[in-house]
Each structure stands twice: as C-alpha cells, then as structure tokens.
Amino acid sequence: MSYNSKRTIISLIAGILLITAYAVYALGERAPAPDNPQSWAAAVLVFIGIGVAAVIVIQIFFHFFTNEMTQLELAKKSGASRQTIIALEAGKYTPSLEMAFRIAGMFGVLIGEVFECKPEGENRE
C-alpha cells in the first residue's frame, strides 16, 4: 500500500470519528435547544477546532509511524525541544513557518501534508 493510500485511509478514519463524536453530541442530552442557532453555531465551531487540532496530531503521528521516528529524534533533527513537539502533537502549539518547513522537509513531504492552515477567522469563535 502506498504512502498516500495509507494517509488517505487515516484521514478518512479521523473524519468518521469526528463526525461520530458530533452526532453523539448533537443527539445527546447536552445538545443545545433546537431553537437556539447561536448555541449550535458555537458547537459546530468547537468541533471544527477539534478537527483542525486532530488533523495536525494525526499527521505528525502518521509521519512518526511511517518514518519510525521518536519525539526526541524529531526534536533534535528539527531544532525544537521535545516539549515543543509534544505541544504540537497535542494541538496546543502552532509552529513557526521555519519550524513547519523543517519538520516537513525531514519527512520529505510538502508543508501542507503535515500542517493545515485555515484562513484567519475561519476556525475561531
């Protein structure tokens, strides 16, 4: 199976899991009232934010497993600290452009294959 095929399958699984989580939320007891569109909009934005963070985390994990690289090795090769790599994986840190290019270059892929960037305001509340 090719690299792109594996990556596509992982992305599809992540998307299905995210949609399932949203469906469980929307149909559960904690769902906003049907007549409150602002609450629904906020919930959708939260799930979009979770999705963006999940994409970054999944891509980094995918590259770790396909390249058999540890967090410490990635940190050393990219010039970042291990804590920075951990924060990237957790979706709590947005890398500088320089770091993003270094990490993508280490895996031999384009920057967009590791990191996703949304236009300003698209994923913010």
C-alpha atoms as a PDB file:
ATOM      1  CA  MET A   1       0.000   0.000   0.000  1.00  0.00           C
ATOM      2  CA  SER A   2       1.400   3.398  -0.947  1.00  0.00           C
ATOM      3  CA  TYR A   3       2.162   6.257   1.413  1.00  0.00           C
ATOM      4  CA  ASN A   4      -0.711   8.371   0.019  1.00  0.00           C
ATOM      5  CA  SER A   5      -3.168   5.466   0.312  1.00  0.00           C
ATOM      6  CA  LYS A   6      -2.266   4.976   3.976  1.00  0.00           C
ATOM      7  CA  ARG A   7      -2.562   8.698   4.605  1.00  0.00           C
ATOM      8  CA  THR A   8      -5.978   8.825   2.920  1.00  0.00           C
ATOM      9  CA  ILE A   9      -7.277   5.926   4.996  1.00  0.00           C
ATOM     10  CA  ILE A  10      -6.067   7.525   8.232  1.00  0.00           C
ATOM     11  CA  SER A  11      -7.680  10.853   7.272  1.00  0.00           C
ATOM     12  CA  LEU A  12     -10.982   9.127   6.460  1.00  0.00           C
ATOM     13  CA  ILE A  13     -10.967   7.309   9.782  1.00  0.00           C
ATOM     14  CA  ALA A  14     -10.275  10.584  11.620  1.00  0.00           C
ATOM     15  CA  GLY A  15     -13.124  12.282   9.757  1.00  0.00           C
ATOM     16  CA  ILE A  16     -15.537   9.466  10.544  1.00  0.00           C
ATOM     17  CA  LEU A  17     -14.568   9.590  14.231  1.00  0.00           C
ATOM     18  CA  LEU A  18     -15.089  13.359  14.343  1.00  0.00           C
ATOM     19  CA  ILE A  19     -18.491  13.134  12.632  1.00  0.00           C
ATOM     20  CA  THR A  20     -19.479  10.331  15.004  1.00  0.00           C
ATOM     21  CA  ALA A  21     -18.454  12.433  18.018  1.00  0.00           C
ATOM     22  CA  TYR A  22     -20.506  15.359  16.720  1.00  0.00           C
ATOM     23  CA  ALA A  23     -23.526  13.110  16.084  1.00  0.00           C
ATOM     24  CA  VAL A  24     -23.314  11.708  19.610  1.00  0.00           C
ATOM     25  CA  TYR A  25     -23.132  15.255  20.956  1.00  0.00           C
ATOM     26  CA  ALA A  26     -25.964  16.538  18.742  1.00  0.00           C
ATOM     27  CA  LEU A  27     -28.273  13.665  19.652  1.00  0.00           C
ATOM     28  CA  GLY A  28     -27.313  13.512  23.322  1.00  0.00           C
ATOM     29  CA  GLU A  29     -28.693  15.188  26.401  1.00  0.00           C
ATOM     30  CA  ARG A  30     -26.147  18.034  26.301  1.00  0.00           C
ATOM     31  CA  ALA A  31     -27.183  19.215  22.835  1.00  0.00           C
ATOM     32  CA  PRO A  32     -28.378  22.832  22.568  1.00  0.00           C
ATOM     33  CA  ALA A  33     -32.068  23.570  22.232  1.00  0.00           C
ATOM     34  CA  PRO A  34     -33.298  23.252  18.624  1.00  0.00           C
ATOM     35  CA  ASP A  35     -34.476  26.870  18.608  1.00  0.00           C
ATOM     36  CA  ASN A  36     -31.069  28.285  19.602  1.00  0.00           C
ATOM     37  CA  PRO A  37     -28.960  28.676  16.426  1.00  0.00           C
ATOM     38  CA  GLN A  38     -26.177  30.535  18.269  1.00  0.00           C
ATOM     39  CA  SER A  39     -25.532  27.548  20.517  1.00  0.00           C
ATOM     40  CA  TRP A  40     -25.478  25.228  17.516  1.00  0.00           C
ATOM     41  CA  ALA A  41     -23.073  27.548  15.696  1.00  0.00           C
ATOM     42  CA  ALA A  42     -20.777  27.589  18.734  1.00  0.00           C
ATOM     43  CA  ALA A  43     -20.897  23.794  18.944  1.00  0.00           C
ATOM     44  CA  VAL A  44     -20.009  23.482  15.254  1.00  0.00           C
ATOM     45  CA  LEU A  45     -17.069  25.875  15.691  1.00  0.00           C
ATOM     46  CA  VAL A  46     -15.802  23.870  18.653  1.00  0.00           C
ATOM     47  CA  PHE A  47     -15.913  20.677  16.612  1.00  0.00           C
ATOM     48  CA  ILE A  48     -14.156  22.415  13.699  1.00  0.00           C
ATOM     49  CA  GLY A  49     -11.404  23.488  16.107  1.00  0.00           C
ATOM     50  CA  ILE A  50     -11.139  19.936  17.429  1.00  0.00           C
ATOM     51  CA  GLY A  51     -10.945  18.718  13.837  1.00  0.00           C
ATOM     52  CA  VAL A  52      -8.110  21.085  12.937  1.00  0.00           C
ATOM     53  CA  ALA A  53      -6.130  20.038  16.009  1.00  0.00           C
ATOM     54  CA  ALA A  54      -6.842  16.384  15.250  1.00  0.00           C
ATOM     55  CA  VAL A  55      -5.562  16.765  11.690  1.00  0.00           C
ATOM     56  CA  ILE A  56      -2.236  18.168  12.915  1.00  0.00           C
ATOM     57  CA  VAL A  57      -1.877  15.476  15.570  1.00  0.00           C
ATOM     58  CA  ILE A  58      -2.804  12.674  13.151  1.00  0.00           C
ATOM     59  CA  GLN A  59      -0.388  13.891  10.503  1.00  0.00           C
ATOM     60  CA  ILE A  60       2.516  14.097  12.954  1.00  0.00           C
ATOM     61  CA  PHE A  61       1.726  10.638  14.365  1.00  0.00           C
ATOM     62  CA  PHE A  62       1.378   9.254  10.856  1.00  0.00           C
ATOM     63  CA  HIS A  63       4.787  10.600   9.916  1.00  0.00           C
ATOM     64  CA  PHE A  64       6.288   9.184  13.130  1.00  0.00           C
ATOM     65  CA  PHE A  65       4.968   5.709  12.350  1.00  0.00           C
ATOM     66  CA  THR A  66       5.842   5.735   8.663  1.00  0.00           C
ATOM     67  CA  ASN A  67       9.319   7.072   9.369  1.00  0.00           C
ATOM     68  CA  GLU A  68       9.829   5.315  12.725  1.00  0.00           C
ATOM     69  CA  MET A  69      10.983   8.494  14.432  1.00  0.00           C
ATOM     70  CA  THR A  70      10.622   9.243  18.144  1.00  0.00           C
ATOM     71  CA  GLN A  71       9.637  12.594  19.613  1.00  0.00           C
ATOM     72  CA  LEU A  72      13.179  13.117  20.816  1.00  0.00           C
ATOM     73  CA  GLU A  73      14.670  12.333  17.386  1.00  0.00           C
ATOM     74  CA  LEU A  74      12.211  14.698  15.712  1.00  0.00           C
ATOM     75  CA  ALA A  75      13.016  17.389  18.267  1.00  0.00           C
ATOM     76  CA  LYS A  76      16.771  17.040  17.732  1.00  0.00           C
ATOM     77  CA  LYS A  77      16.522  16.980  13.941  1.00  0.00           C
ATOM     78  CA  SER A  78      14.123  19.936  13.780  1.00  0.00           C
ATOM     79  CA  GLY A  79      15.980  22.040  16.340  1.00  0.00           C
ATOM     80  CA  ALA A  80      12.969  22.168  18.645  1.00  0.00           C
ATOM     81  CA  SER A  81      12.608  20.927  22.201  1.00  0.00           C
ATOM     82  CA  ARG A  82      10.803  17.698  22.964  1.00  0.00           C
ATOM     83  CA  GLN A  83       8.222  19.761  24.886  1.00  0.00           C
ATOM     84  CA  THR A  84       7.530  21.741  21.686  1.00  0.00           C
ATOM     85  CA  ILE A  85       6.961  18.509  19.752  1.00  0.00           C
ATOM     86  CA  ILE A  86       4.630  17.275  22.492  1.00  0.00           C
ATOM     87  CA  ALA A  87       2.696  20.577  22.362  1.00  0.00           C
ATOM     88  CA  LEU A  88       2.453  20.298  18.553  1.00  0.00           C
ATOM     89  CA  GLU A  89       1.036  16.789  18.878  1.00  0.00           C
ATOM     90  CA  ALA A  90      -1.456  17.947  21.482  1.00  0.00           C
ATOM     91  CA  GLY A  91      -2.591  20.807  19.258  1.00  0.00           C
ATOM     92  CA  LYS A  92      -1.546  23.360  21.876  1.00  0.00           C
ATOM     93  CA  TYR A  93       1.183  24.998  19.808  1.00  0.00           C
ATOM     94  CA  THR A  94       1.330  26.425  16.310  1.00  0.00           C
ATOM     95  CA  PRO A  95       4.799  26.128  14.812  1.00  0.00           C
ATOM     96  CA  SER A  96       6.663  28.999  13.210  1.00  0.00           C
ATOM     97  CA  LEU A  97       6.837  28.861   9.443  1.00  0.00           C
ATOM     98  CA  GLU A  98      10.531  27.983   9.655  1.00  0.00           C
ATOM     99  CA  MET A  99       9.880  25.073  12.027  1.00  0.00           C
ATOM    100  CA  ALA A 100       6.980  23.825   9.924  1.00  0.00           C
ATOM    101  CA  PHE A 101       9.210  23.772   6.830  1.00  0.00           C
ATOM    102  CA  ARG A 102      11.995  21.971   8.745  1.00  0.00           C
ATOM    103  CA  ILE A 103       9.641  19.274  10.011  1.00  0.00           C
ATOM    104  CA  ALA A 104       8.022  18.768   6.610  1.00  0.00           C
ATOM    105  CA  GLY A 105      11.460  18.642   4.977  1.00  0.00           C
ATOM    106  CA  MET A 106      12.623  15.970   7.394  1.00  0.00           C
ATOM    107  CA  PHE A 107       9.762  13.739   6.286  1.00  0.00           C
ATOM    108  CA  GLY A 108      10.329  14.609   2.637  1.00  0.00           C
ATOM    109  CA  VAL A 109       6.813  15.969   2.124  1.00  0.00           C
ATOM    110  CA  LEU A 110       5.207  19.330   1.443  1.00  0.00           C
ATOM    111  CA  ILE A 111       4.365  21.506   4.423  1.00  0.00           C
ATOM    112  CA  GLY A 112       0.636  21.117   3.712  1.00  0.00           C
ATOM    113  CA  GLU A 113       0.914  17.366   4.192  1.00  0.00           C
ATOM    114  CA  VAL A 114       1.972  17.804   7.815  1.00  0.00           C
ATOM    115  CA  PHE A 115       0.288  21.057   8.825  1.00  0.00           C
ATOM    116  CA  GLU A 116      -3.018  22.579   7.843  1.00  0.00           C
ATOM    117  CA  CYS A 117      -3.631  26.309   7.864  1.00  0.00           C
ATOM    118  CA  LYS A 118      -7.101  27.821   7.855  1.00  0.00           C
ATOM    119  CA  PRO A 119      -7.723  31.412   6.772  1.00  0.00           C
ATOM    120  CA  GLU A 120      -7.895  33.782   9.709  1.00  0.00           C
ATOM    121  CA  GLY A 121     -11.285  33.767  11.383  1.00  0.00           C
ATOM    122  CA  GLU A 122     -12.437  30.520   9.798  1.00  0.00           C
ATOM    123  CA  ASN A 123     -11.732  28.370  12.845  1.00  0.00           C
ATOM    124  CA  ARG A 124     -12.156  30.967  15.570  1.00  0.00           C
ATOM    125  CA  GLU A 125     -15.181  31.721  17.698  1.00  0.00           C
END
